[in-house]
Amino acid sequence: MLEGRTADCLAIANTTIIMRLVEELITSGAITRPIANAVLADAANSLVNCPSGDHSNFVDAVTIIRKELMPRLAG
């Protein structure tokens, strides 16, 4: 099904789907914005503490979470 797709395309699709899901959970009252932001912060912290992999990719991922995704849920 996803054969031949690039990692970048998959990452964009996954992020978009997850963020829409989180937004829907907030809208439906299943979670609050502060809880959603806490989950994102925890995810970023997990990446910071992860010793394996390409360090620059982890730094970039943390930056995306903290500077792009968390502010999107703040308001």
PDB file of N, CA and C in Angstrom:
ATOM      1  N   MET A   1       0.815  -1.195   0.000  1.00  0.00           N
ATOM      2  CA  MET A   1       0.000   0.000   0.000  1.00  0.00           C
ATOM      3  C   MET A   1       0.863   1.266   0.000  1.00  0.00           C
ATOM      4  N   LEU A   2       1.895   1.302   0.805  1.00  0.00           N
ATOM      5  CA  LEU A   2       2.738   2.493   0.894  1.00  0.00           C
ATOM      6  C   LEU A   2       4.074   2.315   0.193  1.00  0.00           C
ATOM      7  N   GLU A   3       4.200   1.250  -0.552  1.00  0.00           N
ATOM      8  CA  GLU A   3       5.455   0.953  -1.238  1.00  0.00           C
ATOM      9  C   GLU A   3       5.847   2.092  -2.173  1.00  0.00           C
ATOM     10  N   GLY A   4       7.090   2.482  -2.100  1.00  0.00           N
ATOM     11  CA  GLY A   4       7.597   3.530  -2.965  1.00  0.00           C
ATOM     12  C   GLY A   4       7.424   4.936  -2.413  1.00  0.00           C
ATOM     13  N   ARG A   5       6.770   5.068  -1.293  1.00  0.00           N
ATOM     14  CA  ARG A   5       6.580   6.388  -0.684  1.00  0.00           C
ATOM     15  C   ARG A   5       7.828   6.769   0.106  1.00  0.00           C
ATOM     16  N   THR A   6       8.129   8.050   0.128  1.00  0.00           N
ATOM     17  CA  THR A   6       9.312   8.498   0.867  1.00  0.00           C
ATOM     18  C   THR A   6       8.993   8.665   2.347  1.00  0.00           C
ATOM     19  N   ALA A   7      10.041   8.648   3.141  1.00  0.00           N
ATOM     20  CA  ALA A   7       9.876   8.848   4.581  1.00  0.00           C
ATOM     21  C   ALA A   7       9.271  10.224   4.861  1.00  0.00           C
ATOM     22  N   ASP A   8       9.657  11.220   4.076  1.00  0.00           N
ATOM     23  CA  ASP A   8       9.108  12.566   4.272  1.00  0.00           C
ATOM     24  C   ASP A   8       7.601  12.591   4.046  1.00  0.00           C
ATOM     25  N   CYS A   9       7.142  11.941   2.977  1.00  0.00           N
ATOM     26  CA  CYS A   9       5.700  11.901   2.692  1.00  0.00           C
ATOM     27  C   CYS A   9       4.945  11.203   3.815  1.00  0.00           C
ATOM     28  N   LEU A  10       5.493  10.105   4.295  1.00  0.00           N
ATOM     29  CA  LEU A  10       4.849   9.371   5.380  1.00  0.00           C
ATOM     30  C   LEU A  10       4.820  10.200   6.664  1.00  0.00           C
ATOM     31  N   ALA A  11       5.902  10.906   6.947  1.00  0.00           N
ATOM     32  CA  ALA A  11       5.951  11.741   8.145  1.00  0.00           C
ATOM     33  C   ALA A  11       4.922  12.863   8.081  1.00  0.00           C
ATOM     34  N   ILE A  12       4.796  13.495   6.926  1.00  0.00           N
ATOM     35  CA  ILE A  12       3.811  14.576   6.765  1.00  0.00           C
ATOM     36  C   ILE A  12       2.400  14.032   6.933  1.00  0.00           C
ATOM     37  N   ALA A  13       2.116  12.905   6.294  1.00  0.00           N
ATOM     38  CA  ALA A  13       0.790  12.302   6.411  1.00  0.00           C
ATOM     39  C   ALA A  13       0.492  11.928   7.863  1.00  0.00           C
ATOM     40  N   ASN A  14       1.444  11.287   8.524  1.00  0.00           N
ATOM     41  CA  ASN A  14       1.234  10.873   9.915  1.00  0.00           C
ATOM     42  C   ASN A  14       1.013  12.064  10.836  1.00  0.00           C
ATOM     43  N   THR A  15       1.807  13.100  10.681  1.00  0.00           N
ATOM     44  CA  THR A  15       1.658  14.286  11.532  1.00  0.00           C
ATOM     45  C   THR A  15       0.308  14.940  11.312  1.00  0.00           C
ATOM     46  N   THR A  16      -0.110  15.048  10.064  1.00  0.00           N
ATOM     47  CA  THR A  16      -1.395  15.664   9.756  1.00  0.00           C
ATOM     48  C   THR A  16      -2.541  14.869  10.370  1.00  0.00           C
ATOM     49  N   ILE A  17      -2.496  13.565  10.230  1.00  0.00           N
ATOM     50  CA  ILE A  17      -3.553  12.718  10.780  1.00  0.00           C
ATOM     51  C   ILE A  17      -3.590  12.817  12.300  1.00  0.00           C
ATOM     52  N   ILE A  18      -2.441  12.725  12.939  1.00  0.00           N
ATOM     53  CA  ILE A  18      -2.386  12.780  14.405  1.00  0.00           C
ATOM     54  C   ILE A  18      -2.869  14.127  14.931  1.00  0.00           C
ATOM     55  N   MET A  19      -2.447  15.213  14.289  1.00  0.00           N
ATOM     56  CA  MET A  19      -2.880  16.530  14.758  1.00  0.00           C
ATOM     57  C   MET A  19      -4.386  16.707  14.577  1.00  0.00           C
ATOM     58  N   ARG A  20      -4.959  16.230  13.484  1.00  0.00           N
ATOM     59  CA  ARG A  20      -6.411  16.305  13.296  1.00  0.00           C
ATOM     60  C   ARG A  20      -7.128  15.472  14.349  1.00  0.00           C
ATOM     61  N   LEU A  21      -6.568  14.300  14.678  1.00  0.00           N
ATOM     62  CA  LEU A  21      -7.155  13.464  15.712  1.00  0.00           C
ATOM     63  C   LEU A  21      -7.126  14.172  17.063  1.00  0.00           C
ATOM     64  N   VAL A  22      -5.999  14.768  17.392  1.00  0.00           N
ATOM     65  CA  VAL A  22      -5.890  15.499  18.655  1.00  0.00           C
ATOM     66  C   VAL A  22      -6.880  16.664  18.684  1.00  0.00           C
ATOM     67  N   GLU A  23      -6.975  17.404  17.588  1.00  0.00           N
ATOM     68  CA  GLU A  23      -7.927  18.512  17.519  1.00  0.00           C
ATOM     69  C   GLU A  23      -9.359  18.015  17.686  1.00  0.00           C
ATOM     70  N   GLU A  24      -9.686  16.889  17.100  1.00  0.00           N
ATOM     71  CA  GLU A  24     -11.030  16.322  17.236  1.00  0.00           C
ATOM     72  C   GLU A  24     -11.286  15.874  18.668  1.00  0.00           C
ATOM     73  N   LEU A  25     -10.284  15.295  19.317  1.00  0.00           N
ATOM     74  CA  LEU A  25     -10.427  14.898  20.722  1.00  0.00           C
ATOM     75  C   LEU A  25     -10.674  16.113  21.609  1.00  0.00           C
ATOM     76  N   ILE A  26     -10.011  17.213  21.305  1.00  0.00           N
ATOM     77  CA  ILE A  26     -10.235  18.453  22.056  1.00  0.00           C
ATOM     78  C   ILE A  26     -11.647  18.961  21.810  1.00  0.00           C
ATOM     79  N   THR A  27     -12.053  19.026  20.547  1.00  0.00           N
ATOM     80  CA  THR A  27     -13.382  19.526  20.188  1.00  0.00           C
ATOM     81  C   THR A  27     -14.487  18.690  20.833  1.00  0.00           C
ATOM     82  N   SER A  28     -14.290  17.394  20.874  1.00  0.00           N
ATOM     83  CA  SER A  28     -15.324  16.510  21.435  1.00  0.00           C
ATOM     84  C   SER A  28     -15.317  16.502  22.962  1.00  0.00           C
ATOM     85  N   GLY A  29     -14.299  17.106  23.564  1.00  0.00           N
ATOM     86  CA  GLY A  29     -14.212  17.158  25.017  1.00  0.00           C
ATOM     87  C   GLY A  29     -13.542  15.944  25.633  1.00  0.00           C
ATOM     88  N   ALA A  30     -13.000  15.069  24.792  1.00  0.00           N
ATOM     89  CA  ALA A  30     -12.338  13.871  25.314  1.00  0.00           C
ATOM     90  C   ALA A  30     -11.051  14.221  26.053  1.00  0.00           C
ATOM     91  N   ILE A  31     -10.355  15.267  25.579  1.00  0.00           N
ATOM     92  CA  ILE A  31      -9.172  15.773  26.270  1.00  0.00           C
ATOM     93  C   ILE A  31      -9.205  17.299  26.226  1.00  0.00           C
ATOM     94  N   THR A  32      -8.416  17.909  27.087  1.00  0.00           N
ATOM     95  CA  THR A  32      -8.324  19.365  27.106  1.00  0.00           C
ATOM     96  C   THR A  32      -7.075  19.809  26.350  1.00  0.00           C
ATOM     97  N   ARG A  33      -7.035  21.082  25.991  1.00  0.00           N
ATOM     98  CA  ARG A  33      -5.840  21.622  25.329  1.00  0.00           C
ATOM     99  C   ARG A  33      -4.588  21.461  26.198  1.00  0.00           C
ATOM    100  N   PRO A  34      -4.684  21.754  27.506  1.00  0.00           N
ATOM    101  CA  PRO A  34      -3.485  21.559  28.328  1.00  0.00           C
ATOM    102  C   PRO A  34      -2.989  20.108  28.336  1.00  0.00           C
ATOM    103  N   ILE A  35      -3.908  19.155  28.334  1.00  0.00           N
ATOM    104  CA  ILE A  35      -3.492  17.754  28.296  1.00  0.00           C
ATOM    105  C   ILE A  35      -2.849  17.440  26.951  1.00  0.00           C
ATOM    106  N   ALA A  36      -3.432  17.917  25.870  1.00  0.00           N
ATOM    107  CA  ALA A  36      -2.862  17.690  24.540  1.00  0.00           C
ATOM    108  C   ALA A  36      -1.455  18.278  24.452  1.00  0.00           C
ATOM    109  N   ASN A  37      -1.280  19.483  24.976  1.00  0.00           N
ATOM    110  CA  ASN A  37       0.048  20.104  24.958  1.00  0.00           C
ATOM    111  C   ASN A  37       1.018  19.350  25.858  1.00  0.00           C
ATOM    112  N   ALA A  38       0.534  18.820  26.972  1.00  0.00           N
ATOM    113  CA  ALA A  38       1.399  18.029  27.854  1.00  0.00           C
ATOM    114  C   ALA A  38       1.867  16.757  27.147  1.00  0.00           C
ATOM    115  N   VAL A  39       0.988  16.145  26.367  1.00  0.00           N
ATOM    116  CA  VAL A  39       1.364  14.948  25.606  1.00  0.00           C
ATOM    117  C   VAL A  39       2.452  15.299  24.588  1.00  0.00           C
ATOM    118  N   LEU A  40       2.271  16.420  23.884  1.00  0.00           N
ATOM    119  CA  LEU A  40       3.286  16.837  22.915  1.00  0.00           C
ATOM    120  C   LEU A  40       4.605  17.164  23.606  1.00  0.00           C
ATOM    121  N   ALA A  41       4.537  17.848  24.745  1.00  0.00           N
ATOM    122  CA  ALA A  41       5.760  18.172  25.489  1.00  0.00           C
ATOM    123  C   ALA A  41       6.467  16.899  25.942  1.00  0.00           C
ATOM    124  N   ASP A  42       5.694  15.928  26.410  1.00  0.00           N
ATOM    125  CA  ASP A  42       6.269  14.651  26.834  1.00  0.00           C
ATOM    126  C   ASP A  42       6.927  13.929  25.657  1.00  0.00           C
ATOM    127  N   ALA A  43       6.291  13.988  24.490  1.00  0.00           N
ATOM    128  CA  ALA A  43       6.872  13.376  23.294  1.00  0.00           C
ATOM    129  C   ALA A  43       8.202  14.040  22.948  1.00  0.00           C
ATOM    130  N   ALA A  44       8.231  15.371  22.999  1.00  0.00           N
ATOM    131  CA  ALA A  44       9.478  16.093  22.711  1.00  0.00           C
ATOM    132  C   ALA A  44      10.556  15.728  23.715  1.00  0.00           C
ATOM    133  N   ASN A  45      10.188  15.662  24.985  1.00  0.00           N
ATOM    134  CA  ASN A  45      11.164  15.294  26.019  1.00  0.00           C
ATOM    135  C   ASN A  45      11.686  13.877  25.818  1.00  0.00           C
ATOM    136  N   SER A  46      10.824  12.991  25.355  1.00  0.00           N
ATOM    137  CA  SER A  46      11.252  11.621  25.081  1.00  0.00           C
ATOM    138  C   SER A  46      12.296  11.591  23.969  1.00  0.00           C
ATOM    139  N   LEU A  47      12.099  12.418  22.952  1.00  0.00           N
ATOM    140  CA  LEU A  47      13.066  12.481  21.856  1.00  0.00           C
ATOM    141  C   LEU A  47      14.394  13.068  22.313  1.00  0.00           C
ATOM    142  N   VAL A  48      14.332  14.059  23.190  1.00  0.00           N
ATOM    143  CA  VAL A  48      15.559  14.679  23.704  1.00  0.00           C
ATOM    144  C   VAL A  48      16.388  13.640  24.451  1.00  0.00           C
ATOM    145  N   ASN A  49      15.727  12.754  25.161  1.00  0.00           N
ATOM    146  CA  ASN A  49      16.416  11.762  25.985  1.00  0.00           C
ATOM    147  C   ASN A  49      16.745  10.468  25.246  1.00  0.00           C
ATOM    148  N   CYS A  50      16.413  10.396  23.963  1.00  0.00           N
ATOM    149  CA  CYS A  50      16.654   9.185  23.181  1.00  0.00           C
ATOM    150  C   CYS A  50      18.094   9.173  22.677  1.00  0.00           C
ATOM    151  N   PRO A  51      18.887   8.192  23.083  1.00  0.00           N
ATOM    152  CA  PRO A  51      20.307   8.196  22.721  1.00  0.00           C
ATOM    153  C   PRO A  51      20.622   7.648  21.330  1.00  0.00           C
ATOM    154  N   SER A  52      19.671   7.013  20.677  1.00  0.00           N
ATOM    155  CA  SER A  52      19.994   6.363  19.406  1.00  0.00           C
ATOM    156  C   SER A  52      19.547   7.205  18.211  1.00  0.00           C
ATOM    157  N   GLY A  53      20.016   6.819  17.046  1.00  0.00           N
ATOM    158  CA  GLY A  53      19.591   7.480  15.820  1.00  0.00           C
ATOM    159  C   GLY A  53      20.421   8.706  15.479  1.00  0.00           C
ATOM    160  N   ASP A  54      20.033   9.352  14.401  1.00  0.00           N
ATOM    161  CA  ASP A  54      20.703  10.560  13.915  1.00  0.00           C
ATOM    162  C   ASP A  54      20.294  11.722  14.815  1.00  0.00           C
ATOM    163  N   HIS A  55      21.230  12.226  15.569  1.00  0.00           N
ATOM    164  CA  HIS A  55      20.922  13.267  16.550  1.00  0.00           C
ATOM    165  C   HIS A  55      20.258  14.487  15.909  1.00  0.00           C
ATOM    166  N   SER A  56      20.703  14.892  14.734  1.00  0.00           N
ATOM    167  CA  SER A  56      20.121  16.082  14.103  1.00  0.00           C
ATOM    168  C   SER A  56      18.653  15.867  13.761  1.00  0.00           C
ATOM    169  N   ASN A  57      18.260  14.652  13.398  1.00  0.00           N
ATOM    170  CA  ASN A  57      16.850  14.368  13.134  1.00  0.00           C
ATOM    171  C   ASN A  57      16.018  14.484  14.402  1.00  0.00           C
ATOM    172  N   PHE A  58      16.573  14.045  15.518  1.00  0.00           N
ATOM    173  CA  PHE A  58      15.859  14.154  16.785  1.00  0.00           C
ATOM    174  C   PHE A  58      15.697  15.622  17.183  1.00  0.00           C
ATOM    175  N   VAL A  59      16.746  16.403  17.006  1.00  0.00           N
ATOM    176  CA  VAL A  59      16.686  17.837  17.315  1.00  0.00           C
ATOM    177  C   VAL A  59      15.635  18.514  16.438  1.00  0.00           C
ATOM    178  N   ASP A  60      15.625  18.179  15.156  1.00  0.00           N
ATOM    179  CA  ASP A  60      14.625  18.744  14.242  1.00  0.00           C
ATOM    180  C   ASP A  60      13.209  18.349  14.662  1.00  0.00           C
ATOM    181  N   ALA A  61      13.028  17.098  15.052  1.00  0.00           N
ATOM    182  CA  ALA A  61      11.709  16.632  15.481  1.00  0.00           C
ATOM    183  C   ALA A  61      11.240  17.370  16.735  1.00  0.00           C
ATOM    184  N   VAL A  62      12.135  17.559  17.678  1.00  0.00           N
ATOM    185  CA  VAL A  62      11.800  18.296  18.903  1.00  0.00           C
ATOM    186  C   VAL A  62      11.413  19.732  18.562  1.00  0.00           C
ATOM    187  N   THR A  63      12.151  20.348  17.661  1.00  0.00           N
ATOM    188  CA  THR A  63      11.846  21.718  17.233  1.00  0.00           C
ATOM    189  C   THR A  63      10.471  21.795  16.590  1.00  0.00           C
ATOM    190  N   ILE A  64      10.136  20.845  15.749  1.00  0.00           N
ATOM    191  CA  ILE A  64       8.813  20.830  15.109  1.00  0.00           C
ATOM    192  C   ILE A  64       7.723  20.724  16.163  1.00  0.00           C
ATOM    193  N   ILE A  65       7.903  19.825  17.116  1.00  0.00           N
ATOM    194  CA  ILE A  65       6.885  19.650  18.157  1.00  0.00           C
ATOM    195  C   ILE A  65       6.723  20.924  18.977  1.00  0.00           C
ATOM    196  N   ARG A  66       7.845  21.465  19.446  1.00  0.00           N
ATOM    197  CA  ARG A  66       7.778  22.611  20.358  1.00  0.00           C
ATOM    198  C   ARG A  66       7.431  23.929  19.671  1.00  0.00           C
ATOM    199  N   LYS A  67       7.919  24.146  18.456  1.00  0.00           N
ATOM    200  CA  LYS A  67       7.750  25.452  17.805  1.00  0.00           C
ATOM    201  C   LYS A  67       6.573  25.498  16.829  1.00  0.00           C
ATOM    202  N   GLU A  68       6.101  24.337  16.368  1.00  0.00           N
ATOM    203  CA  GLU A  68       5.018  24.330  15.398  1.00  0.00           C
ATOM    204  C   GLU A  68       3.748  23.666  15.909  1.00  0.00           C
ATOM    205  N   LEU A  69       3.878  22.474  16.480  1.00  0.00           N
ATOM    206  CA  LEU A  69       2.683  21.730  16.873  1.00  0.00           C
ATOM    207  C   LEU A  69       2.082  22.231  18.193  1.00  0.00           C
ATOM    208  N   MET A  70       2.911  22.449  19.187  1.00  0.00           N
ATOM    209  CA  MET A  70       2.384  22.913  20.471  1.00  0.00           C
ATOM    210  C   MET A  70       1.702  24.275  20.360  1.00  0.00           C
ATOM    211  N   PRO A  71       2.294  25.247  19.682  1.00  0.00           N
ATOM    212  CA  PRO A  71       1.588  26.525  19.521  1.00  0.00           C
ATOM    213  C   PRO A  71       0.258  26.395  18.766  1.00  0.00           C
ATOM    214  N   ARG A  72       0.184  25.451  17.857  1.00  0.00           N
ATOM    215  CA  ARG A  72      -1.057  25.224  17.109  1.00  0.00           C
ATOM    216  C   ARG A  72      -2.185  24.808  18.032  1.00  0.00           C
ATOM    217  N   LEU A  73      -1.879  24.085  19.089  1.00  0.00           N
ATOM    218  CA  LEU A  73      -2.898  23.653  20.042  1.00  0.00           C
ATOM    219  C   LEU A  73      -3.126  24.647  21.163  1.00  0.00           C
ATOM    220  N   ALA A  74      -2.273  25.633  21.271  1.00  0.00           N
ATOM    221  CA  ALA A  74      -2.382  26.591  22.376  1.00  0.00           C
ATOM    222  C   ALA A  74      -3.624  27.470  22.265  1.00  0.00           C
ATOM    223  N   GLY A  75      -4.034  27.765  21.057  1.00  0.00           N
ATOM    224  CA  GLY A  75      -5.167  28.681  20.902  1.00  0.00           C
ATOM    225  C   GLY A  75      -6.286  28.045  20.228  1.00  0.00           C
TER     226      GLY A  75
END
